[in-house]
Amino acid sequence: MRIHLQSVNVVAIIAIALFTAIMLAVRFRITSWRGIVLQALLANAGAIAAVIAFEVMTA
């Protein structure tokens, strides 16, 4: 199974990651830079996983 990420997928990844990062920031009120970096990494990993899962379901 081949997964092809197109520009629309990249836009979806960025949108999901930004929304998730904002929601996590509101929820946990992180103040340290390490927490912010961890939060951004988690948001990006979740966004990539969501887009890949959607691609697999629709392929």
C-alpha atoms as a PDB file:
ATOM      1  CA  MET A   1       0.000   0.000   0.000  1.00  0.00           C
ATOM      2  CA  ARG A   2       1.460   3.310  -1.085  1.00  0.00           C
ATOM      3  CA  ILE A   3       0.503   6.552   0.603  1.00  0.00           C
ATOM      4  CA  HIS A   4       0.859   9.711  -1.463  1.00  0.00           C
ATOM      5  CA  LEU A   5       0.722  12.984   0.429  1.00  0.00           C
ATOM      6  CA  GLN A   6      -0.332  15.854  -1.789  1.00  0.00           C
ATOM      7  CA  SER A   7      -0.445  19.567  -1.054  1.00  0.00           C
ATOM      8  CA  VAL A   8      -3.990  19.307   0.298  1.00  0.00           C
ATOM      9  CA  ASN A   9      -2.746  16.738   2.810  1.00  0.00           C
ATOM     10  CA  VAL A  10       0.060  19.042   3.921  1.00  0.00           C
ATOM     11  CA  VAL A  11      -2.450  21.856   4.428  1.00  0.00           C
ATOM     12  CA  ALA A  12      -4.648  19.507   6.472  1.00  0.00           C
ATOM     13  CA  ILE A  13      -1.661  18.441   8.585  1.00  0.00           C
ATOM     14  CA  ILE A  14      -0.763  22.069   9.313  1.00  0.00           C
ATOM     15  CA  ALA A  15      -4.363  22.996  10.151  1.00  0.00           C
ATOM     16  CA  ILE A  16      -4.878  20.016  12.464  1.00  0.00           C
ATOM     17  CA  ALA A  17      -1.514  20.588  14.158  1.00  0.00           C
ATOM     18  CA  LEU A  18      -2.204  24.282  14.767  1.00  0.00           C
ATOM     19  CA  PHE A  19      -5.687  23.602  16.122  1.00  0.00           C
ATOM     20  CA  THR A  20      -4.398  20.831  18.390  1.00  0.00           C
ATOM     21  CA  ALA A  21      -1.537  22.998  19.655  1.00  0.00           C
ATOM     22  CA  ILE A  22      -3.955  25.815  20.494  1.00  0.00           C
ATOM     23  CA  MET A  23      -6.319  23.447  22.297  1.00  0.00           C
ATOM     24  CA  LEU A  24      -3.451  21.900  24.282  1.00  0.00           C
ATOM     25  CA  ALA A  25      -2.112  25.350  25.187  1.00  0.00           C
ATOM     26  CA  VAL A  26      -5.526  26.429  26.456  1.00  0.00           C
ATOM     27  CA  ARG A  27      -6.017  23.186  28.367  1.00  0.00           C
ATOM     28  CA  PHE A  28      -2.643  22.847  30.088  1.00  0.00           C
ATOM     29  CA  ARG A  29      -1.274  26.452  30.170  1.00  0.00           C
ATOM     30  CA  ILE A  30       2.310  25.343  29.572  1.00  0.00           C
ATOM     31  CA  THR A  31       4.962  27.896  30.558  1.00  0.00           C
ATOM     32  CA  SER A  32       8.319  26.188  29.989  1.00  0.00           C
ATOM     33  CA  TRP A  33       9.937  26.003  26.564  1.00  0.00           C
ATOM     34  CA  ARG A  34      10.334  22.233  26.910  1.00  0.00           C
ATOM     35  CA  GLY A  35       6.603  21.870  27.441  1.00  0.00           C
ATOM     36  CA  ILE A  36       5.888  23.995  24.384  1.00  0.00           C
ATOM     37  CA  VAL A  37       8.259  21.916  22.239  1.00  0.00           C
ATOM     38  CA  LEU A  38       6.722  18.667  23.499  1.00  0.00           C
ATOM     39  CA  GLN A  39       3.244  20.023  22.867  1.00  0.00           C
ATOM     40  CA  ALA A  40       4.168  21.020  19.306  1.00  0.00           C
ATOM     41  CA  LEU A  41       5.700  17.603  18.620  1.00  0.00           C
ATOM     42  CA  LEU A  42       2.610  15.827  19.941  1.00  0.00           C
ATOM     43  CA  ALA A  43       0.307  18.051  17.884  1.00  0.00           C
ATOM     44  CA  ASN A  44       2.301  17.424  14.700  1.00  0.00           C
ATOM     45  CA  ALA A  45       2.520  13.671  15.281  1.00  0.00           C
ATOM     46  CA  GLY A  46      -1.226  13.511  15.867  1.00  0.00           C
ATOM     47  CA  ALA A  47      -1.950  15.569  12.764  1.00  0.00           C
ATOM     48  CA  ILE A  48       0.247  13.392  10.576  1.00  0.00           C
ATOM     49  CA  ALA A  49      -1.351  10.245  12.007  1.00  0.00           C
ATOM     50  CA  ALA A  50      -4.853  11.622  11.385  1.00  0.00           C
ATOM     51  CA  VAL A  51      -4.128  12.486   7.751  1.00  0.00           C
ATOM     52  CA  ILE A  52      -2.436   9.147   7.068  1.00  0.00           C
ATOM     53  CA  ALA A  53      -5.338   7.291   8.686  1.00  0.00           C
ATOM     54  CA  PHE A  54      -7.781   9.215   6.500  1.00  0.00           C
ATOM     55  CA  GLU A  55      -5.703   8.409   3.408  1.00  0.00           C
ATOM     56  CA  VAL A  56      -5.651   4.709   4.290  1.00  0.00           C
ATOM     57  CA  MET A  57      -9.420   4.631   4.846  1.00  0.00           C
ATOM     58  CA  THR A  58     -10.206   6.345   1.557  1.00  0.00           C
ATOM     59  CA  ALA A  59      -7.663   4.448  -0.571  1.00  0.00           C
END
